[in-house]
Amino acid sequence: MAEVRPEVTQRLKALELIALWEGRLVTNRLCGWYGISRQQASADIKQYLSDINPGSIVYNATLRGYEPAACFKPVLTSGHINDYLLLLASQGNEPMAQVTESHPYLASLQLPDRAVQPEVVRELLLACRNNHSLTISYVSMSQPKQHEREIAPHTLVYTGFRWHVRAWCHQRESFRDFLLSRIIGKPRLSERIAPSADTDGAWQRSIQFQLIANLNLSSDQRSVIARDFGMENGSLQLSCREALAHYTLQRYPAAVGAKQEARSREFPLQVLPNDQPRLAPLLFNAEAS
């Protein structure tokens, strides 16, 4: 096999990840991301099938694209969802956590590698696109034994630490978060009617709040913290969906309430006192549904 140019290898890895995690590969995706022609994208797919991973993906006329064959296994990537995450991050403008050890003078911490399965992600994305409901087998801290739930997913979310899906829970009749690593086996299509994401009020509404240096610190210490977090005029302005407020706050060592504020070394930041009454109802103790 002839040596593959680095830019071609990058595209081959991308098409493998799209097929693995999304379950549908179309040339338009490669064209849009890499600025190549449809003919070049088709040539990349042909090269992947002939030289890299024969028989791994097949064309599905109904999908109008390629899908993973039953025997599909990734050969250019690790098969971990972090690869897919980094691919999405490289193509977008939103900051996302990355794990790198690419420079001798730089290092970073490894994020937990949660057991997220491609067949789970594929079915969830398909249901999100088509506004379908799914039956899933699920485990949680409150119900550690495997049990069935019927959900209608609308968005997959990466918080910087984990993946979850925002979905309507038919049993509890509310929108909730389900950890992808706790979904057991392949989700199955359900005939239950899926409500629109437009009806998810906490997802559609935004909240703005401010973080400040913990008021229990000395004046000099507060100045250090303000510098650490790039505050302007002594505060850090944050805005997010209400449904993501808890996860947004998790990314900061920020206290909410007097008990946490008293532990100023552990929580050098705090939510602005005037913002706490609005933010507190959006926070929760349990990890997920």
C-alpha atoms as a PDB file:
ATOM      1  CA  MET A   1       0.000   0.000   0.000  1.00  0.00           C
ATOM      2  CA  ALA A   2       1.339   3.436  -0.964  1.00  0.00           C
ATOM      3  CA  GLU A   3       2.169   5.866   1.809  1.00  0.00           C
ATOM      4  CA  VAL A   4      -0.869   7.952   2.751  1.00  0.00           C
ATOM      5  CA  ARG A   5      -0.421  11.709   3.056  1.00  0.00           C
ATOM      6  CA  PRO A   6      -1.133  13.162   6.532  1.00  0.00           C
ATOM      7  CA  GLU A   7      -4.122  15.206   5.354  1.00  0.00           C
ATOM      8  CA  VAL A   8      -5.655  12.102   3.780  1.00  0.00           C
ATOM      9  CA  THR A   9      -5.048  10.084   6.954  1.00  0.00           C
ATOM     10  CA  GLN A  10      -6.891  12.789   8.901  1.00  0.00           C
ATOM     11  CA  ARG A  11      -9.903  12.478   6.626  1.00  0.00           C
ATOM     12  CA  LEU A  12      -9.831   8.684   6.780  1.00  0.00           C
ATOM     13  CA  LYS A  13      -9.850   8.824  10.574  1.00  0.00           C
ATOM     14  CA  ALA A  14     -12.759  11.268  10.459  1.00  0.00           C
ATOM     15  CA  LEU A  15     -14.888   9.074   8.212  1.00  0.00           C
ATOM     16  CA  GLU A  16     -14.177   6.086  10.455  1.00  0.00           C
ATOM     17  CA  LEU A  17     -15.309   8.012  13.536  1.00  0.00           C
ATOM     18  CA  ILE A  18     -18.444   9.315  11.822  1.00  0.00           C
ATOM     19  CA  ALA A  19     -19.412   5.822  10.703  1.00  0.00           C
ATOM     20  CA  LEU A  20     -18.663   4.352  14.141  1.00  0.00           C
ATOM     21  CA  TRP A  21     -20.387   6.916  16.346  1.00  0.00           C
ATOM     22  CA  GLU A  22     -23.110   8.361  14.120  1.00  0.00           C
ATOM     23  CA  GLY A  23     -23.983   5.291  12.070  1.00  0.00           C
ATOM     24  CA  ARG A  24     -24.307   7.245   8.822  1.00  0.00           C
ATOM     25  CA  LEU A  25     -21.501   8.553   6.627  1.00  0.00           C
ATOM     26  CA  VAL A  26     -22.200  10.901   3.717  1.00  0.00           C
ATOM     27  CA  THR A  27     -19.753  12.668   1.427  1.00  0.00           C
ATOM     28  CA  ASN A  28     -21.245  16.083   2.257  1.00  0.00           C
ATOM     29  CA  ARG A  29     -19.868  15.834   5.795  1.00  0.00           C
ATOM     30  CA  LEU A  30     -16.313  15.366   4.568  1.00  0.00           C
ATOM     31  CA  CYS A  31     -16.745  18.054   1.899  1.00  0.00           C
ATOM     32  CA  GLY A  32     -17.972  20.604   4.421  1.00  0.00           C
ATOM     33  CA  TRP A  33     -15.325  19.876   7.032  1.00  0.00           C
ATOM     34  CA  TYR A  34     -12.271  19.609   4.802  1.00  0.00           C
ATOM     35  CA  GLY A  35     -13.159  21.731   1.786  1.00  0.00           C
ATOM     36  CA  ILE A  36     -12.806  18.865  -0.670  1.00  0.00           C
ATOM     37  CA  SER A  37     -14.920  17.916  -3.676  1.00  0.00           C
ATOM     38  CA  ARG A  38     -17.576  15.215  -3.619  1.00  0.00           C
ATOM     39  CA  GLN A  39     -15.366  13.173  -5.942  1.00  0.00           C
ATOM     40  CA  GLN A  40     -12.453  13.392  -3.485  1.00  0.00           C
ATOM     41  CA  ALA A  41     -14.693  12.418  -0.574  1.00  0.00           C
ATOM     42  CA  SER A  42     -15.928   9.392  -2.527  1.00  0.00           C
ATOM     43  CA  ALA A  43     -12.306   8.506  -3.346  1.00  0.00           C
ATOM     44  CA  ASP A  44     -11.435   8.683   0.373  1.00  0.00           C
ATOM     45  CA  ILE A  45     -14.266   6.277   1.223  1.00  0.00           C
ATOM     46  CA  LYS A  46     -13.162   3.942  -1.572  1.00  0.00           C
ATOM     47  CA  GLN A  47      -9.570   4.053  -0.306  1.00  0.00           C
ATOM     48  CA  TYR A  48     -10.704   3.302   3.246  1.00  0.00           C
ATOM     49  CA  LEU A  49     -12.658   0.280   2.034  1.00  0.00           C
ATOM     50  CA  SER A  50      -9.977  -1.034  -0.311  1.00  0.00           C
ATOM     51  CA  ASP A  51      -6.768  -0.329   1.618  1.00  0.00           C
ATOM     52  CA  ILE A  52      -7.617   0.299   5.275  1.00  0.00           C
ATOM     53  CA  ASN A  53     -10.679  -1.626   6.464  1.00  0.00           C
ATOM     54  CA  PRO A  54     -12.274  -3.796   3.727  1.00  0.00           C
ATOM     55  CA  GLY A  55     -15.950  -4.641   4.174  1.00  0.00           C
ATOM     56  CA  SER A  56     -16.287  -2.456   7.256  1.00  0.00           C
ATOM     57  CA  ILE A  57     -18.930  -0.054   5.942  1.00  0.00           C
ATOM     58  CA  VAL A  58     -21.688  -0.641   3.394  1.00  0.00           C
ATOM     59  CA  TYR A  59     -23.894   1.674   1.363  1.00  0.00           C
ATOM     60  CA  ASN A  60     -27.522   1.870   2.498  1.00  0.00           C
ATOM     61  CA  ALA A  61     -29.827   3.328  -0.161  1.00  0.00           C
ATOM     62  CA  THR A  62     -32.516   4.086   2.426  1.00  0.00           C
ATOM     63  CA  LEU A  63     -30.095   6.150   4.509  1.00  0.00           C
ATOM     64  CA  ARG A  64     -28.492   7.597   1.360  1.00  0.00           C
ATOM     65  CA  GLY A  65     -25.137   6.986   2.959  1.00  0.00           C
ATOM     66  CA  TYR A  66     -22.780   4.397   4.374  1.00  0.00           C
ATOM     67  CA  GLU A  67     -23.395   2.567   7.627  1.00  0.00           C
ATOM     68  CA  PRO A  68     -21.196   0.246   9.727  1.00  0.00           C
ATOM     69  CA  ALA A  69     -21.297  -3.415   8.728  1.00  0.00           C
ATOM     70  CA  ALA A  70     -22.017  -5.962  11.462  1.00  0.00           C
ATOM     71  CA  CYS A  71     -18.307  -6.836  11.544  1.00  0.00           C
ATOM     72  CA  PHE A  72     -17.139  -3.201  11.748  1.00  0.00           C
ATOM     73  CA  LYS A  73     -14.219  -2.475  14.055  1.00  0.00           C
ATOM     74  CA  PRO A  74     -12.155   0.731  13.994  1.00  0.00           C
ATOM     75  CA  VAL A  75      -8.554   0.370  12.845  1.00  0.00           C
ATOM     76  CA  LEU A  76      -7.353   3.987  12.621  1.00  0.00           C
ATOM     77  CA  THR A  77      -8.817   5.141  15.940  1.00  0.00           C
ATOM     78  CA  SER A  78      -9.064   3.685  19.429  1.00  0.00           C
ATOM     79  CA  GLY A  79     -12.831   3.156  19.482  1.00  0.00           C
ATOM     80  CA  HIS A  80     -13.183   5.471  22.512  1.00  0.00           C
ATOM     81  CA  ILE A  81     -15.705   8.280  22.446  1.00  0.00           C
ATOM     82  CA  ASN A  82     -12.948  10.789  23.285  1.00  0.00           C
ATOM     83  CA  ASP A  83     -11.692  10.411  19.702  1.00  0.00           C
ATOM     84  CA  TYR A  84     -15.111  11.398  18.393  1.00  0.00           C
ATOM     85  CA  LEU A  85     -15.278  14.280  20.867  1.00  0.00           C
ATOM     86  CA  LEU A  86     -11.926  15.662  19.737  1.00  0.00           C
ATOM     87  CA  LEU A  87     -12.996  15.367  16.115  1.00  0.00           C
ATOM     88  CA  LEU A  88     -16.103  17.453  16.801  1.00  0.00           C
ATOM     89  CA  ALA A  89     -14.045  19.964  18.776  1.00  0.00           C
ATOM     90  CA  SER A  90     -11.603  20.377  15.873  1.00  0.00           C
ATOM     91  CA  GLN A  91     -14.466  21.235  13.507  1.00  0.00           C
ATOM     92  CA  GLY A  92     -16.357  23.687  15.704  1.00  0.00           C
ATOM     93  CA  ASN A  93     -15.894  26.906  17.593  1.00  0.00           C
ATOM     94  CA  GLU A  94     -17.024  25.734  21.027  1.00  0.00           C
ATOM     95  CA  PRO A  95     -14.259  25.052  23.566  1.00  0.00           C
ATOM     96  CA  MET A  96     -14.184  21.415  24.651  1.00  0.00           C
ATOM     97  CA  ALA A  97     -11.866  19.544  27.006  1.00  0.00           C
ATOM     98  CA  GLN A  98      -8.906  17.930  25.280  1.00  0.00           C
ATOM     99  CA  VAL A  99      -6.318  15.480  26.615  1.00  0.00           C
ATOM    100  CA  THR A 100      -2.866  15.952  25.108  1.00  0.00           C
ATOM    101  CA  GLU A 101       0.677  14.843  25.781  1.00  0.00           C
ATOM    102  CA  SER A 102       2.028  16.095  22.477  1.00  0.00           C
ATOM    103  CA  HIS A 103       4.857  18.337  23.693  1.00  0.00           C
ATOM    104  CA  PRO A 104       7.783  17.460  25.966  1.00  0.00           C
ATOM    105  CA  TYR A 105       7.136  20.508  28.127  1.00  0.00           C
ATOM    106  CA  LEU A 106       3.362  20.200  28.355  1.00  0.00           C
ATOM    107  CA  ALA A 107       1.139  17.742  30.210  1.00  0.00           C
ATOM    108  CA  SER A 108      -2.508  17.307  31.087  1.00  0.00           C
ATOM    109  CA  LEU A 109      -4.660  15.069  33.243  1.00  0.00           C
ATOM    110  CA  GLN A 110      -6.475  12.102  31.746  1.00  0.00           C
ATOM    111  CA  LEU A 111     -10.236  12.451  31.969  1.00  0.00           C
ATOM    112  CA  PRO A 112     -12.223   9.385  33.078  1.00  0.00           C
ATOM    113  CA  ASP A 113     -12.789   7.024  30.156  1.00  0.00           C
ATOM    114  CA  ARG A 114     -16.425   6.171  30.670  1.00  0.00           C
ATOM    115  CA  ALA A 115     -17.832   3.064  29.042  1.00  0.00           C
ATOM    116  CA  VAL A 116     -19.813   4.737  26.252  1.00  0.00           C
ATOM    117  CA  GLN A 117     -20.732   2.316  23.472  1.00  0.00           C
ATOM    118  CA  PRO A 118     -20.987   3.301  19.769  1.00  0.00           C
ATOM    119  CA  GLU A 119     -24.270   1.440  19.258  1.00  0.00           C
ATOM    120  CA  VAL A 120     -25.801   3.518  22.053  1.00  0.00           C
ATOM    121  CA  VAL A 121     -24.629   6.815  20.571  1.00  0.00           C
ATOM    122  CA  ARG A 122     -25.791   5.856  17.082  1.00  0.00           C
ATOM    123  CA  GLU A 123     -29.330   5.008  18.193  1.00  0.00           C
ATOM    124  CA  LEU A 124     -29.589   8.129  20.340  1.00  0.00           C
ATOM    125  CA  LEU A 125     -28.441  10.413  17.522  1.00  0.00           C
ATOM    126  CA  LEU A 126     -30.876   8.742  15.125  1.00  0.00           C
ATOM    127  CA  ALA A 127     -33.727   9.232  17.590  1.00  0.00           C
ATOM    128  CA  CYS A 128     -32.736  12.888  18.108  1.00  0.00           C
ATOM    129  CA  ARG A 129     -32.766  13.517  14.364  1.00  0.00           C
ATOM    130  CA  ASN A 130     -36.108  11.786  13.789  1.00  0.00           C
ATOM    131  CA  ASN A 131     -37.884  12.800  17.022  1.00  0.00           C
ATOM    132  CA  HIS A 132     -38.407   9.167  18.072  1.00  0.00           C
ATOM    133  CA  SER A 133     -38.721   7.513  21.457  1.00  0.00           C
ATOM    134  CA  LEU A 134     -36.501   4.660  22.608  1.00  0.00           C
ATOM    135  CA  THR A 135     -36.661   1.881  25.171  1.00  0.00           C
ATOM    136  CA  ILE A 136     -33.395   1.631  27.071  1.00  0.00           C
ATOM    137  CA  SER A 137     -32.029  -0.650  29.767  1.00  0.00           C
ATOM    138  CA  TYR A 138     -30.632   1.613  32.446  1.00  0.00           C
ATOM    139  CA  VAL A 139     -28.899   1.563  35.820  1.00  0.00           C
ATOM    140  CA  SER A 140     -28.539   4.438  38.268  1.00  0.00           C
ATOM    141  CA  MET A 141     -27.484   5.089  41.831  1.00  0.00           C
ATOM    142  CA  SER A 142     -31.109   5.161  42.971  1.00  0.00           C
ATOM    143  CA  GLN A 143     -31.965   2.020  40.933  1.00  0.00           C
ATOM    144  CA  PRO A 144     -28.706   0.073  40.560  1.00  0.00           C
ATOM    145  CA  LYS A 145     -30.453  -2.992  39.148  1.00  0.00           C
ATOM    146  CA  GLN A 146     -30.980  -2.956  35.403  1.00  0.00           C
ATOM    147  CA  HIS A 147     -34.442  -1.708  34.463  1.00  0.00           C
ATOM    148  CA  GLU A 148     -36.249  -0.425  31.388  1.00  0.00           C
ATOM    149  CA  ARG A 149     -37.017   3.227  30.728  1.00  0.00           C
ATOM    150  CA  GLU A 150     -38.748   4.806  27.749  1.00  0.00           C
ATOM    151  CA  ILE A 151     -37.188   8.095  26.729  1.00  0.00           C
ATOM    152  CA  ALA A 152     -37.422  10.620  23.901  1.00  0.00           C
ATOM    153  CA  PRO A 153     -33.919  12.114  23.459  1.00  0.00           C
ATOM    154  CA  HIS A 154     -33.263  15.493  21.896  1.00  0.00           C
ATOM    155  CA  THR A 155     -29.600  16.391  22.609  1.00  0.00           C
ATOM    156  CA  LEU A 156     -26.351  14.640  23.557  1.00  0.00           C
ATOM    157  CA  VAL A 157     -24.320  16.713  26.007  1.00  0.00           C
ATOM    158  CA  TYR A 158     -20.635  16.609  26.913  1.00  0.00           C
ATOM    159  CA  THR A 159     -19.968  18.427  30.181  1.00  0.00           C
ATOM    160  CA  GLY A 160     -16.186  18.200  30.098  1.00  0.00           C
ATOM    161  CA  PHE A 161     -16.291  15.170  32.398  1.00  0.00           C
ATOM    162  CA  ARG A 162     -18.991  12.907  30.986  1.00  0.00           C
ATOM    163  CA  TRP A 163     -21.608  12.365  28.280  1.00  0.00           C
ATOM    164  CA  HIS A 164     -25.311  12.365  28.944  1.00  0.00           C
ATOM    165  CA  VAL A 165     -28.454  12.642  26.851  1.00  0.00           C
ATOM    166  CA  ARG A 166     -31.188  15.160  27.542  1.00  0.00           C
ATOM    167  CA  ALA A 167     -34.476  13.328  27.076  1.00  0.00           C
ATOM    168  CA  TRP A 168     -38.153  13.186  27.980  1.00  0.00           C
ATOM    169  CA  CYS A 169     -38.781  10.348  30.440  1.00  0.00           C
ATOM    170  CA  HIS A 170     -42.167   8.796  29.712  1.00  0.00           C
ATOM    171  CA  GLN A 171     -42.337   7.150  33.145  1.00  0.00           C
ATOM    172  CA  ARG A 172     -41.649  10.312  35.145  1.00  0.00           C
ATOM    173  CA  GLU A 173     -43.224  12.654  32.591  1.00  0.00           C
ATOM    174  CA  SER A 174     -40.422  15.183  32.693  1.00  0.00           C
ATOM    175  CA  PHE A 175     -37.202  16.045  30.869  1.00  0.00           C
ATOM    176  CA  ARG A 176     -34.199  14.471  32.569  1.00  0.00           C
ATOM    177  CA  ASP A 177     -30.526  13.615  32.012  1.00  0.00           C
ATOM    178  CA  PHE A 178     -29.368  10.040  31.365  1.00  0.00           C
ATOM    179  CA  LEU A 179     -25.712   9.042  31.526  1.00  0.00           C
ATOM    180  CA  LEU A 180     -24.616   7.273  28.350  1.00  0.00           C
ATOM    181  CA  SER A 181     -22.293   4.991  30.319  1.00  0.00           C
ATOM    182  CA  ARG A 182     -25.290   3.637  32.261  1.00  0.00           C
ATOM    183  CA  ILE A 183     -27.300   2.577  29.218  1.00  0.00           C
ATOM    184  CA  ILE A 184     -26.918  -1.186  28.857  1.00  0.00           C
ATOM    185  CA  GLY A 185     -27.040  -2.722  25.384  1.00  0.00           C
ATOM    186  CA  LYS A 186     -28.556  -1.257  22.237  1.00  0.00           C
ATOM    187  CA  PRO A 187     -31.609   1.026  22.659  1.00  0.00           C
ATOM    188  CA  ARG A 188     -34.774  -0.150  20.901  1.00  0.00           C
ATOM    189  CA  LEU A 189     -37.298   1.921  18.995  1.00  0.00           C
ATOM    190  CA  SER A 190     -40.476   2.722  20.959  1.00  0.00           C
ATOM    191  CA  GLU A 191     -43.860   3.728  19.584  1.00  0.00           C
ATOM    192  CA  ARG A 192     -44.444   6.291  22.332  1.00  0.00           C
ATOM    193  CA  ILE A 193     -44.940   9.823  21.000  1.00  0.00           C
ATOM    194  CA  ALA A 194     -41.867  11.976  21.573  1.00  0.00           C
ATOM    195  CA  PRO A 195     -42.493  15.555  22.720  1.00  0.00           C
ATOM    196  CA  SER A 196     -40.552  18.290  20.950  1.00  0.00           C
ATOM    197  CA  ALA A 197     -37.431  19.774  22.497  1.00  0.00           C
ATOM    198  CA  ASP A 198     -39.273  23.093  22.262  1.00  0.00           C
ATOM    199  CA  THR A 199     -41.360  21.969  25.236  1.00  0.00           C
ATOM    200  CA  ASP A 200     -38.254  21.459  27.401  1.00  0.00           C
ATOM    201  CA  GLY A 201     -38.471  24.737  29.275  1.00  0.00           C
ATOM    202  CA  ALA A 202     -35.211  24.338  31.208  1.00  0.00           C
ATOM    203  CA  TRP A 203     -33.420  23.644  27.927  1.00  0.00           C
ATOM    204  CA  GLN A 204     -34.951  26.600  26.104  1.00  0.00           C
ATOM    205  CA  ARG A 205     -34.475  29.147  28.894  1.00  0.00           C
ATOM    206  CA  SER A 206     -31.118  30.742  29.693  1.00  0.00           C
ATOM    207  CA  ILE A 207     -29.770  31.941  33.011  1.00  0.00           C
ATOM    208  CA  GLN A 208     -27.057  34.489  33.694  1.00  0.00           C
ATOM    209  CA  PHE A 209     -25.122  34.594  36.933  1.00  0.00           C
ATOM    210  CA  GLN A 210     -21.826  35.876  38.321  1.00  0.00           C
ATOM    211  CA  LEU A 211     -18.961  34.295  40.209  1.00  0.00           C
ATOM    212  CA  ILE A 212     -16.805  36.349  42.546  1.00  0.00           C
ATOM    213  CA  ALA A 213     -13.836  35.592  44.778  1.00  0.00           C
ATOM    214  CA  ASN A 214     -14.959  34.026  48.057  1.00  0.00           C
ATOM    215  CA  LEU A 215     -15.747  36.866  50.447  1.00  0.00           C
ATOM    216  CA  ASN A 216     -14.186  34.914  53.338  1.00  0.00           C
ATOM    217  CA  LEU A 217     -10.747  35.362  51.719  1.00  0.00           C
ATOM    218  CA  SER A 218      -8.599  38.376  52.486  1.00  0.00           C
ATOM    219  CA  SER A 219      -8.578  41.304  50.084  1.00  0.00           C
ATOM    220  CA  ASP A 220      -5.181  40.284  48.714  1.00  0.00           C
ATOM    221  CA  GLN A 221      -6.317  36.681  48.289  1.00  0.00           C
ATOM    222  CA  ARG A 222      -9.418  37.807  46.418  1.00  0.00           C
ATOM    223  CA  SER A 223      -7.208  39.784  44.055  1.00  0.00           C
ATOM    224  CA  VAL A 224      -5.204  36.640  43.335  1.00  0.00           C
ATOM    225  CA  ILE A 225      -8.374  34.666  42.575  1.00  0.00           C
ATOM    226  CA  ALA A 226      -9.732  37.431  40.362  1.00  0.00           C
ATOM    227  CA  ARG A 227      -6.518  37.299  38.358  1.00  0.00           C
ATOM    228  CA  ASP A 228      -6.590  33.483  38.190  1.00  0.00           C
ATOM    229  CA  PHE A 229     -10.007  33.477  36.545  1.00  0.00           C
ATOM    230  CA  GLY A 230      -9.616  36.593  34.391  1.00  0.00           C
ATOM    231  CA  MET A 231     -12.362  38.531  36.145  1.00  0.00           C
ATOM    232  CA  GLU A 232     -13.439  41.935  34.947  1.00  0.00           C
ATOM    233  CA  ASN A 233     -14.479  44.419  37.618  1.00  0.00           C
ATOM    234  CA  GLY A 234     -14.211  41.680  40.229  1.00  0.00           C
ATOM    235  CA  SER A 235     -16.631  39.159  38.735  1.00  0.00           C
ATOM    236  CA  LEU A 236     -16.895  36.420  36.144  1.00  0.00           C
ATOM    237  CA  GLN A 237     -20.062  36.610  34.019  1.00  0.00           C
ATOM    238  CA  LEU A 238     -21.559  33.230  33.013  1.00  0.00           C
ATOM    239  CA  SER A 239     -24.533  32.377  30.824  1.00  0.00           C
ATOM    240  CA  CYS A 240     -25.931  28.927  30.033  1.00  0.00           C
ATOM    241  CA  ARG A 241     -29.120  26.959  29.526  1.00  0.00           C
ATOM    242  CA  GLU A 242     -30.982  26.370  32.784  1.00  0.00           C
ATOM    243  CA  ALA A 243     -30.680  22.603  32.198  1.00  0.00           C
ATOM    244  CA  LEU A 244     -26.884  22.963  32.100  1.00  0.00           C
ATOM    245  CA  ALA A 245     -26.479  25.299  35.077  1.00  0.00           C
ATOM    246  CA  HIS A 246     -25.456  22.500  37.441  1.00  0.00           C
ATOM    247  CA  TYR A 247     -22.816  21.179  35.038  1.00  0.00           C
ATOM    248  CA  THR A 248     -21.521  24.662  34.255  1.00  0.00           C
ATOM    249  CA  LEU A 249     -21.016  25.361  37.945  1.00  0.00           C
ATOM    250  CA  GLN A 250     -19.262  21.990  38.389  1.00  0.00           C
ATOM    251  CA  ARG A 251     -16.401  23.286  36.263  1.00  0.00           C
ATOM    252  CA  TYR A 252     -15.560  25.925  38.863  1.00  0.00           C
ATOM    253  CA  PRO A 253     -14.559  25.630  42.547  1.00  0.00           C
ATOM    254  CA  ALA A 254     -17.499  27.855  43.438  1.00  0.00           C
ATOM    255  CA  ALA A 255     -19.484  27.855  46.671  1.00  0.00           C
ATOM    256  CA  VAL A 256     -23.260  28.140  46.839  1.00  0.00           C
ATOM    257  CA  GLY A 257     -24.500  28.942  50.318  1.00  0.00           C
ATOM    258  CA  ALA A 258     -22.873  29.766  53.638  1.00  0.00           C
ATOM    259  CA  LYS A 259     -21.632  26.246  54.461  1.00  0.00           C
ATOM    260  CA  GLN A 260     -19.566  25.995  51.295  1.00  0.00           C
ATOM    261  CA  GLU A 261     -18.464  29.623  51.485  1.00  0.00           C
ATOM    262  CA  ALA A 262     -16.925  28.901  54.906  1.00  0.00           C
ATOM    263  CA  ARG A 263     -14.579  26.391  53.195  1.00  0.00           C
ATOM    264  CA  SER A 264     -12.812  29.133  51.266  1.00  0.00           C
ATOM    265  CA  ARG A 265      -9.690  27.075  50.494  1.00  0.00           C
ATOM    266  CA  GLU A 266     -11.821  24.423  48.845  1.00  0.00           C
ATOM    267  CA  PHE A 267     -14.146  26.983  47.230  1.00  0.00           C
ATOM    268  CA  PRO A 268     -12.086  30.090  46.390  1.00  0.00           C
ATOM    269  CA  LEU A 269     -15.012  31.272  44.248  1.00  0.00           C
ATOM    270  CA  GLN A 270     -18.619  31.828  45.190  1.00  0.00           C
ATOM    271  CA  VAL A 271     -21.820  32.638  43.372  1.00  0.00           C
ATOM    272  CA  LEU A 272     -22.741  36.301  43.765  1.00  0.00           C
ATOM    273  CA  PRO A 273     -25.156  36.403  46.741  1.00  0.00           C
ATOM    274  CA  ASN A 274     -27.869  38.168  44.725  1.00  0.00           C
ATOM    275  CA  ASP A 275     -27.732  35.374  42.098  1.00  0.00           C
ATOM    276  CA  GLN A 276     -27.932  32.436  44.494  1.00  0.00           C
ATOM    277  CA  PRO A 277     -31.749  32.352  44.920  1.00  0.00           C
ATOM    278  CA  ARG A 278     -32.217  32.028  41.143  1.00  0.00           C
ATOM    279  CA  LEU A 279     -29.440  29.473  40.668  1.00  0.00           C
ATOM    280  CA  ALA A 280     -30.021  27.207  43.684  1.00  0.00           C
ATOM    281  CA  PRO A 281     -33.244  25.542  42.398  1.00  0.00           C
ATOM    282  CA  LEU A 282     -31.383  24.431  39.249  1.00  0.00           C
ATOM    283  CA  LEU A 283     -28.725  22.514  41.178  1.00  0.00           C
ATOM    284  CA  PHE A 284     -29.092  18.893  42.237  1.00  0.00           C
ATOM    285  CA  ASN A 285     -27.259  16.322  44.302  1.00  0.00           C
ATOM    286  CA  ALA A 286     -27.785  13.171  42.268  1.00  0.00           C
ATOM    287  CA  GLU A 287     -25.567  12.604  39.228  1.00  0.00           C
ATOM    288  CA  ALA A 288     -28.380  11.876  36.789  1.00  0.00           C
ATOM    289  CA  SER A 289     -31.797  10.307  36.425  1.00  0.00           C
END
